[in-house]
């Protein structure tokens, strides 16, 4: 018996493992033992994203952004900087 959406008692999970694995494509699935969370099943794609090495701070901050996603951290160098030039004082 399913206790909450995407949460399964161990006994039920054993009997419906194939179905639960299929559901990981849309959302993580939680397995409980005696009413307490014991394990979370995730898809292989989600696991690979979690295990993907991050090389620098930008990679860490961008989380799950892929190369083909919008790069939020890239500066548009085609536009001139806006603002007032700084004057030098003696």
Protein backbone atom coordinates (compact mmCIF):
# COMPACT_ATOMS: atom_id res chain seq x y z
CA UNK A 1 0.00 0.00 0.00
CA UNK A 2 1.25 3.45 -0.90
CA UNK A 3 1.22 5.77 2.13
CA UNK A 4 1.87 9.07 0.30
CA UNK A 5 2.44 9.87 -3.32
CA UNK A 6 5.93 8.60 -4.25
CA UNK A 7 6.34 6.98 -0.81
CA UNK A 8 6.16 3.21 -0.41
CA UNK A 9 6.22 0.79 2.50
CA UNK A 10 9.00 -1.79 2.12
CA UNK A 11 6.56 -4.69 1.81
CA UNK A 12 4.75 -2.99 -1.08
CA UNK A 13 7.99 -1.87 -2.69
CA UNK A 14 9.22 -5.48 -2.83
CA UNK A 15 6.06 -6.55 -4.65
CA UNK A 16 5.92 -3.59 -7.04
CA UNK A 17 9.61 -2.88 -7.64
CA UNK A 18 9.32 -2.77 -11.45
CA UNK A 19 6.53 -0.19 -11.29
CA UNK A 20 8.40 1.89 -8.73
CA UNK A 21 11.56 1.88 -10.86
CA UNK A 22 9.53 3.13 -13.83
CA UNK A 23 8.18 5.97 -11.67
CA UNK A 24 11.71 7.21 -10.92
CA UNK A 25 11.72 8.68 -14.44
CA UNK A 26 9.33 11.37 -13.21
CA UNK A 27 10.14 11.68 -9.49
CA UNK A 28 12.28 10.13 -6.75
CA UNK A 29 10.56 7.30 -4.88
CA UNK A 30 10.88 6.95 -1.10
CA UNK A 31 10.89 3.56 0.65
CA UNK A 32 9.91 3.45 4.31
CA UNK A 33 10.57 0.84 7.00
CA UNK A 34 8.32 0.93 10.05
CA UNK A 35 7.08 4.37 9.03
CA UNK A 36 10.54 5.95 8.73
CA UNK A 37 12.27 6.89 5.48
CA UNK A 38 14.91 4.26 4.72
CA UNK A 39 15.87 4.73 1.07
CA UNK A 40 15.22 6.89 -1.96
CA UNK A 41 15.23 5.48 -5.47
CA UNK A 42 16.21 7.88 -8.25
CA UNK A 43 16.65 7.45 -11.99
CA UNK A 44 20.08 6.75 -13.46
CA UNK A 45 20.02 10.17 -15.16
CA UNK A 46 19.41 11.92 -11.83
CA UNK A 47 22.17 9.86 -10.21
CA UNK A 48 24.64 10.80 -12.96
CA UNK A 49 23.81 14.48 -12.50
CA UNK A 50 24.51 14.17 -8.78
CA UNK A 51 27.79 12.35 -9.36
CA UNK A 52 28.98 14.65 -12.17
CA UNK A 53 32.28 16.22 -11.07
CA UNK A 54 32.21 19.96 -10.68
CA UNK A 55 35.43 21.71 -11.57
CA UNK A 56 34.91 25.26 -10.35
CA UNK A 57 32.60 27.56 -8.39
CA UNK A 58 30.47 28.35 -11.44
CA UNK A 59 29.76 24.65 -11.92
CA UNK A 60 28.79 24.33 -8.25
CA UNK A 61 26.48 27.34 -8.37
CA UNK A 62 24.84 26.37 -11.64
CA UNK A 63 23.67 23.02 -10.24
CA UNK A 64 22.02 20.97 -12.94
CA UNK A 65 22.59 23.31 -15.86
CA UNK A 66 23.88 21.41 -18.87
CA UNK A 67 26.10 22.71 -21.66
CA UNK A 68 23.09 23.27 -23.92
CA UNK A 69 21.18 25.20 -21.22
CA UNK A 70 21.32 28.96 -20.99
CA UNK A 71 24.63 30.00 -19.49
CA UNK A 72 23.67 32.41 -16.75
CA UNK A 73 27.26 33.22 -15.90
CA UNK A 74 28.56 34.22 -19.32
CA UNK A 75 29.22 37.92 -19.81
CA UNK A 76 28.02 39.59 -23.00
CA UNK A 77 31.17 41.30 -24.23
CA UNK A 78 29.47 42.67 -27.35
CA UNK A 79 27.92 45.51 -25.29
CA UNK A 80 29.94 48.37 -23.89
CA UNK A 81 30.11 48.83 -20.15
CA UNK A 82 27.61 51.40 -18.90
CA UNK A 83 28.38 54.03 -16.31
CA UNK A 84 30.33 57.19 -15.77
CA UNK A 85 34.08 57.05 -16.34
CA UNK A 86 36.14 57.45 -13.18
CA UNK A 87 38.22 60.63 -13.14
CA UNK A 88 41.64 60.66 -11.62
CA UNK A 89 42.20 63.15 -8.80
CA UNK A 90 45.51 64.69 -7.81
